[in-house]
Amino acid sequence: MLSTSFKGHPIHPILVVLPLGLWTFALVCDIAALLGGGPGWQTTALYVTGGGVVGALLAAIPGLIDLLAITDAKVRRIAIWHMVLNLLAVAIFAVVFWLRWQAPDSRAAMLLTLLGVLAIGRSGWLGGEMVYRHGMGVQQRRSSES
């Protein structure tokens, strides 16, 4: 079975932490800016949004390889929805980056950031479904390791 791992640890879940954290922090920056925190928060939101897009595209490579290895039809459907939501989130945040580049105080960028964070939250839920309910990327312990 084709999958991506390093020393038994799946690579995709390792890589997704960075864009998820960066995009969530962009939302925190937006809230800080709305509360009068100054233009530094808007600048930070621009850069963490862009970093999240780059990180997500890197995480998508092993994610796609793992998706292609799924043989169970039910898990594959979940994985496809997970991928669709993630691609939607990348598109949203790419637009957010462009909007922030054009106008750092864009209210549309702030609203789209919230929408993007909701999308990655739902996608993360589906990722959890695959791992915790269906055992994707989980190696069974051998009895001698107990």
Foldseek 3Di string as FASTA:
>chain_A
DFADDDPLFGDLVVLLVQLLVLLVLLLVLLVCVVVPVDLVSLVSSLVSLVVSLVSLVVSVVRLVRLLVVDDDPVLNVLSVLLVVLSVVLSVLSVVLNVVCVVPSNDPSSNVSSVVSNVSNVVSVVSVCCCCVVVNRSHDDDDPVVD
